[in-house]
Protein backbone atom coordinates (compact mmCIF):
# COMPACT_ATOMS: atom_id res chain seq x y z
CA MET A 1 0.01 -0.03 -0.01
CA ARG A 2 2.81 2.30 0.79
CA LEU A 3 4.52 1.66 -2.57
CA TYR A 4 1.14 2.68 -4.30
CA LEU A 5 0.96 5.87 -2.18
CA LEU A 6 4.71 6.59 -3.06
CA SER A 7 3.98 5.99 -6.87
CA THR A 8 1.02 8.34 -6.77
CA VAL A 9 3.07 11.05 -4.93
CA CYS A 10 5.82 10.53 -7.46
CA ALA A 11 3.33 10.88 -10.36
CA LEU A 12 2.01 14.16 -8.90
CA VAL A 13 5.51 15.53 -8.46
CA ALA A 14 6.37 14.68 -12.06
CA LEU A 15 3.07 16.27 -13.19
CA TRP A 16 4.05 19.41 -11.33
CA ALA A 17 7.55 19.49 -12.56
CA GLY A 18 6.41 18.88 -16.19
CA THR A 19 3.93 21.77 -16.16
CA ALA A 20 6.14 24.21 -13.89
CA PHE A 21 9.29 23.56 -15.99
CA THR A 22 8.32 22.97 -19.52
CA TRP A 23 11.88 21.93 -20.38
CA LEU A 24 11.30 18.73 -18.25
CA THR A 25 8.09 17.72 -20.05
CA THR A 26 9.84 15.82 -22.79
CA PRO A 27 12.48 14.05 -20.49
CA ILE A 28 9.69 12.96 -18.06
CA ILE A 29 7.65 11.44 -20.96
CA PHE A 30 10.68 9.63 -22.33
CA GLY A 31 11.32 8.23 -18.82
CA LEU A 32 7.81 7.03 -18.55
CA THR A 33 7.92 5.37 -21.97
CA TYR A 34 11.01 3.51 -20.73
CA ALA A 35 9.28 2.72 -17.39
CA ILE A 36 6.38 1.26 -19.28
CA ALA A 37 8.58 -0.89 -21.35
CA ALA A 38 10.52 -2.06 -18.37
CA LEU A 39 7.41 -2.96 -16.68
CA GLY A 40 6.55 -5.30 -19.55
CA VAL A 41 10.08 -6.84 -19.37
CA SER A 42 9.57 -7.42 -15.67
CA VAL A 43 6.62 -9.75 -16.33
CA MET A 44 9.03 -12.10 -17.86
CA VAL A 45 11.62 -11.54 -15.19
CA ARG A 46 8.95 -12.75 -12.75
CA ALA A 47 9.19 -16.14 -14.52
CA GLY A 48 12.99 -16.05 -14.34
CA GLN A 49 13.41 -15.15 -18.07
CA VAL A 50 15.19 -12.15 -19.30
CA SER A 51 14.58 -11.02 -22.83
CA PHE A 52 17.01 -9.03 -24.82
CA GLY A 53 14.67 -8.33 -27.60
CA HIS A 54 11.44 -6.90 -26.20
CA ALA A 55 12.18 -3.53 -27.74
CA MET A 56 10.81 -5.05 -31.02
CA TYR A 57 7.32 -4.84 -29.54
CA ALA A 58 7.68 -1.06 -28.88
CA CYS A 59 9.11 -0.80 -32.42
CA ILE A 60 6.17 -2.68 -34.06
CA SER A 61 3.72 -0.55 -32.16
CA ALA A 62 5.45 2.72 -33.13
CA TYR A 63 5.65 1.77 -36.86
CA VAL A 64 1.95 0.71 -36.98
CA VAL A 65 1.16 4.26 -35.43
CA ALA A 66 3.36 5.73 -38.13
CA PHE A 67 1.84 3.78 -40.98
CA ILE A 68 -1.71 4.70 -40.00
CA ALA A 69 -0.86 8.31 -39.37
CA ARG A 70 0.71 8.40 -42.84
CA ALA A 71 -2.13 6.52 -44.68
CA TYR A 72 -4.92 8.36 -42.86
CA PRO A 73 -4.03 11.92 -41.91
CA GLY A 74 -6.04 13.21 -38.96
CA THR A 75 -6.47 10.02 -37.23
CA ASP A 76 -6.85 10.71 -33.51
CA ALA A 77 -4.00 9.95 -31.21
CA LEU A 78 -6.03 7.70 -28.97
CA VAL A 79 -7.05 5.51 -31.99
CA LEU A 80 -3.35 5.28 -33.07
CA ILE A 81 -2.30 4.25 -29.54
CA LEU A 82 -4.93 1.47 -29.51
CA ALA A 83 -3.83 0.29 -32.95
CA GLY A 84 -0.22 0.18 -32.04
CA VAL A 85 -0.92 -1.86 -28.83
CA VAL A 86 -3.12 -4.35 -30.73
CA ALA A 87 -0.48 -4.86 -33.25
CA ALA A 88 2.21 -5.56 -30.69
CA THR A 89 -0.19 -7.82 -28.61
CA LEU A 90 -1.01 -9.97 -31.73
CA THR A 91 2.66 -10.13 -32.86
CA SER A 92 3.69 -11.29 -29.31
CA ALA A 93 0.94 -13.82 -29.28
CA LEU A 94 2.35 -15.31 -32.60
CA ILE A 95 6.09 -15.12 -31.72
CA GLY A 96 5.27 -16.25 -28.13
CA LEU A 97 4.18 -19.80 -29.46
CA PHE A 98 7.93 -20.32 -30.27
CA MET A 99 9.48 -18.39 -27.40
CA VAL A 100 7.69 -20.11 -24.54
CA ARG A 101 9.40 -23.48 -25.43
CA TYR A 102 12.86 -22.08 -24.38
CA ARG A 103 14.23 -20.99 -20.98
CA GLY A 104 17.31 -19.16 -19.78
CA ILE A 105 19.87 -17.93 -22.20
CA PHE A 106 18.06 -19.54 -25.16
CA PHE A 107 15.03 -17.55 -24.31
CA GLY A 108 16.91 -14.30 -24.20
CA MET A 109 18.96 -15.01 -27.33
CA LEU A 110 15.86 -15.90 -29.30
CA ASN A 111 14.19 -12.79 -28.48
CA LEU A 112 17.36 -11.03 -29.46
CA ALA A 113 17.38 -12.82 -32.87
CA PHE A 114 13.84 -11.93 -33.77
CA SER A 115 14.51 -8.27 -32.84
CA MET A 116 17.57 -8.14 -35.06
CA VAL A 117 15.66 -9.61 -38.01
CA LEU A 118 13.01 -6.96 -37.46
CA PHE A 119 15.64 -4.11 -37.23
CA ALA A 120 17.37 -5.35 -40.45
CA LEU A 121 14.18 -5.49 -42.30
CA LEU A 122 13.04 -2.05 -41.15
CA SER A 123 16.44 -0.65 -42.18
CA LYS A 124 16.52 -2.13 -45.68
CA LEU A 125 12.93 -1.82 -46.83
CA TYR A 126 13.49 1.90 -47.52
CA HIS A 127 10.57 2.30 -49.89
CA ILE A 128 8.09 1.10 -47.12
CA THR A 129 9.76 2.11 -43.80
CA GLY A 130 12.01 4.91 -44.90
CA GLY A 131 14.95 2.98 -43.77
CA THR A 132 17.23 4.60 -41.19
CA ASP A 133 15.63 7.96 -41.93
CA GLY A 134 12.21 6.61 -40.52
CA ILE A 135 8.82 8.00 -40.85
CA ASN A 136 7.59 11.39 -39.78
CA ILE A 137 4.38 11.66 -37.92
CA THR A 138 2.30 14.89 -38.31
CA ARG A 139 0.97 15.93 -34.98
CA PRO A 140 -2.41 14.17 -34.69
CA PRO A 141 -5.37 15.50 -32.90
CA LEU A 142 -5.96 14.41 -29.25
CA ALA A 143 -9.52 13.32 -28.35
CA GLY A 144 -10.73 15.13 -31.35
CA VAL A 145 -8.93 18.38 -30.59
CA ALA A 146 -6.00 19.75 -32.62
CA MET A 147 -3.38 21.31 -30.35
CA ASN A 148 -0.11 23.41 -30.68
CA ARG A 149 3.07 21.68 -29.63
CA ASP A 150 3.23 22.86 -25.89
CA THR A 151 -0.35 21.97 -25.17
CA TYR A 152 0.02 18.65 -27.06
CA GLU A 153 3.22 17.69 -24.97
CA GLN A 154 1.26 18.72 -21.74
CA TRP A 155 -1.60 16.45 -22.49
CA LEU A 156 0.85 13.63 -23.51
CA LEU A 157 2.46 14.07 -20.04
CA ILE A 158 -0.97 13.63 -18.29
CA MET A 159 -1.77 10.66 -20.44
CA SER A 160 1.63 9.02 -19.80
CA LEU A 161 1.25 9.42 -16.01
CA ALA A 162 -2.35 8.17 -15.95
CA LEU A 163 -1.39 5.29 -18.28
CA SER A 164 1.65 4.56 -15.99
CA LEU A 165 -0.36 4.32 -12.80
CA PHE A 166 -3.07 2.18 -14.62
CA LEU A 167 -0.62 -0.28 -16.06
CA ALA A 168 1.25 -0.43 -12.71
CA VAL A 169 -1.90 -1.44 -10.83
CA TRP A 170 -2.78 -3.85 -13.65
CA VAL A 171 0.47 -5.64 -13.51
CA GLN A 172 0.66 -5.75 -9.82
CA ARG A 173 -2.78 -7.28 -9.69
CA TYR A 174 -1.61 -9.87 -12.24
CA PHE A 175 1.46 -10.76 -10.20
CA ARG A 176 -0.96 -11.45 -7.31
CA SER A 177 -3.38 -13.42 -9.32
CA GLY A 178 -3.49 -17.22 -9.85
CA SER A 179 -1.83 -16.73 -13.30
CA GLY A 180 0.90 -14.44 -11.80
CA GLN A 181 1.70 -16.79 -9.07
CA ALA A 182 1.91 -19.70 -11.54
CA LEU A 183 4.31 -17.59 -13.69
CA SER A 184 6.52 -17.01 -10.65
CA ALA A 185 6.43 -20.70 -10.04
CA ILE A 186 8.19 -21.31 -13.36
CA LYS A 187 11.26 -19.56 -11.92
CA THR A 188 11.30 -21.68 -8.81
CA ASN A 189 9.97 -25.26 -9.76
CA GLU A 190 8.50 -25.62 -13.17
CA THR A 191 8.42 -29.52 -12.81
CA ARG A 192 6.21 -29.18 -9.72
CA LEU A 193 3.94 -26.83 -11.51
CA GLU A 194 3.39 -29.33 -14.22
CA TYR A 195 2.66 -32.01 -11.59
CA LEU A 196 -0.02 -29.90 -10.12
CA GLY A 197 -1.80 -30.02 -13.47
CA PHE A 198 -0.83 -26.63 -14.97
CA SER A 199 0.52 -26.16 -18.35
CA ALA A 200 3.91 -24.18 -18.01
CA TYR A 201 3.78 -23.40 -21.74
CA PHE A 202 0.37 -21.91 -21.56
CA ILE A 203 1.20 -19.84 -18.51
CA MET A 204 4.35 -18.61 -20.08
CA TRP A 205 2.49 -17.73 -23.30
CA LYS A 206 -0.13 -15.63 -21.45
CA GLY A 207 2.64 -13.91 -19.60
CA TYR A 208 4.69 -13.33 -22.73
CA VAL A 209 1.56 -11.79 -24.56
CA PHE A 210 0.70 -9.66 -21.56
CA SER A 211 4.30 -8.45 -21.59
CA GLY A 212 4.16 -7.61 -25.32
CA LEU A 213 1.04 -5.70 -24.74
CA ILE A 214 2.62 -3.43 -22.06
CA VAL A 215 5.56 -2.84 -24.24
CA GLY A 216 3.31 -1.87 -27.02
CA PHE A 217 1.99 1.09 -25.03
CA SER A 218 5.59 2.30 -24.73
CA GLY A 219 6.20 2.24 -28.36
CA ALA A 220 2.98 4.01 -29.25
CA MET A 221 3.58 6.88 -26.81
CA LEU A 222 7.22 7.16 -27.94
CA ALA A 223 6.13 7.55 -31.59
CA LEU A 224 3.53 10.34 -30.66
CA LEU A 225 6.13 12.10 -28.53
CA GLN A 226 8.96 11.99 -31.05
CA GLY A 227 6.93 12.56 -34.25
CA LEU A 228 9.52 10.21 -35.90
CA VAL A 229 9.76 6.57 -36.03
CA THR A 230 13.04 4.87 -36.86
CA PRO A 231 14.52 1.23 -36.59
CA GLU A 232 16.55 2.31 -33.50
CA ILE A 233 13.45 2.04 -31.39
CA GLY A 234 13.67 -1.78 -31.86
CA LEU A 235 17.62 -2.05 -31.56
CA TRP A 236 18.98 -4.62 -29.08
CA LEU A 237 20.70 -1.75 -27.12
CA ARG A 238 17.22 -0.36 -26.28
CA SER A 239 16.11 -3.83 -25.08
CA GLY A 240 19.40 -3.79 -22.96
CA GLU A 241 18.34 -0.53 -21.44
CA TYR A 242 14.88 -1.86 -20.46
CA VAL A 243 16.58 -4.80 -18.67
CA PHE A 244 19.07 -2.36 -17.06
CA ILE A 245 16.02 -0.49 -15.60
CA VAL A 246 14.37 -3.77 -14.35
CA ILE A 247 17.64 -4.63 -12.56
CA LEU A 248 18.03 -1.19 -10.97
CA GLY A 249 14.23 -0.96 -9.75
CA GLY A 250 13.73 -4.56 -9.09
CA ALA A 251 10.95 -6.94 -10.35
CA ALA A 252 9.40 -7.81 -6.90
CA HIS A 253 6.72 -5.03 -7.55
CA ALA A 254 5.38 -3.15 -10.44
CA ALA A 255 6.66 0.11 -8.91
CA GLY A 256 10.23 -1.12 -9.42
CA ALA A 257 10.06 -0.33 -13.22
CA PHE A 258 9.33 3.34 -12.51
CA LEU A 259 11.80 3.71 -9.77
CA GLY A 260 14.53 2.12 -11.97
CA ALA A 261 13.45 4.47 -14.88
CA ALA A 262 13.60 7.48 -12.58
CA VAL A 263 17.24 6.68 -11.46
CA PHE A 264 18.26 5.85 -15.06
CA GLU A 265 16.89 8.97 -16.51
CA THR A 266 18.30 11.10 -13.65
CA VAL A 267 21.78 9.70 -13.81
CA LYS A 268 21.67 9.84 -17.65
CA LEU A 269 20.63 13.45 -17.77
CA MET A 270 22.86 14.70 -15.01
CA SER A 271 26.05 12.90 -16.16
CA SER A 272 25.47 13.89 -19.87
CA ALA A 273 24.99 17.53 -18.68
CA TYR A 274 28.21 17.68 -16.75
CA PHE A 275 30.25 14.86 -18.03
CA PRO A 276 29.05 14.36 -21.70
CA ASP A 277 31.68 11.86 -22.67
CA LEU A 278 31.45 9.68 -19.52
CA TRP A 279 27.73 9.33 -18.99
CA GLN A 280 27.84 5.60 -19.83
CA LEU A 281 30.53 5.16 -17.14
CA PHE A 282 28.21 6.62 -14.46
CA LEU A 283 25.29 4.48 -15.64
CA GLY A 284 27.51 1.37 -15.32
CA LEU A 285 28.72 2.34 -11.90
CA SER A 286 25.21 2.99 -10.61
CA LEU A 287 24.37 -0.57 -11.88
CA ILE A 288 27.38 -2.07 -10.16
CA ILE A 289 26.49 -0.36 -6.87
CA VAL A 290 22.85 -1.54 -6.99
CA ILE A 291 23.97 -5.22 -7.69
CA PHE A 292 26.45 -5.24 -4.94
CA LEU A 293 24.36 -3.27 -2.27
CA VAL A 294 20.68 -4.07 -3.26
CA PRO A 295 20.80 -7.16 -5.56
CA ASN A 296 16.95 -7.29 -5.66
CA GLY A 297 16.69 -3.73 -6.83
CA ILE A 298 15.45 -0.61 -5.09
CA VAL A 299 11.87 -1.89 -4.68
CA GLY A 300 13.18 -5.05 -3.30
CA LYS A 301 15.10 -3.29 -0.56
CA PHE A 302 12.01 -1.34 0.25
CA ILE A 303 9.91 -4.41 0.65
CA GLU A 304 12.69 -5.99 2.93
CA TYR A 305 12.78 -2.94 5.07
CA ASN A 306 8.94 -3.01 5.51
CA ARG A 307 9.01 -6.74 6.32
CA GLU A 308 11.72 -6.11 8.94
CA LYS A 309 9.81 -3.36 10.48
CA SER A 310 6.64 -5.51 10.55
CA ARG A 311 8.51 -8.34 12.50
CA ARG A 312 9.88 -5.91 14.98
CA LYS A 313 6.45 -4.75 15.95
CA ILE A 314 5.35 -8.33 16.40
């Protein structure tokens, strides 16, 4: 409950910062898109599986947004987001049929291989995708209203924050549901899960599709924010950043993705502002510190602290 309260307070602070300091609006929305994608990756981490290719679902969602916006100018942003998420979900449902048969390093590498194939196709099919130049998106109306850039970004910020809170609650409820508990059991003892009469493949497939759906929201929001969709959205380095954020924040609670993204973006912005040639070094050091001091991530340490506090009261 305290984590939900902390998340709500952080969302309100982010909303205030984005409206009071307009130069922070874009970085905050970028951070939220990263957090949403990391939230999707954390679903698979609950099953003990790390994907190094989940950025492909953000990329698929973003390109569907771009294709529809180009083919049908004036399409509402809400319709574009829905279309992108549906495309990412359907694609993850299809690819997931193959993915859920593998575990460990094979699962991670197969996701990476699919994402690299997608990246190559998007880069080479210039006449369809624009190649590395990408596709420009004319600013669409939002809820039927045409807006100038500043107003548009302010509403994107509000939408991103509301969507982040909704997805965080949804994912946490999933973690506590029977399907979520069964997904966690794959990490601890998959054989015992099968003996209990559950299909580990089906449970993994549902979790994988849910994960792709969440990441799809990230890609759609990113496309609307940037106004430009390029193959780099699905690059394996982007997937690595999502995993980086999950490790920083922890996968024990949905709030971990947002705490990890907050640390990631803060370190990245501050270090690139003061040490432009060394920002990767500071990100790496922050990850090393987290792994050594809080191996379960920031949210894991928070949960451990609350448990210890409860035991002392008893």
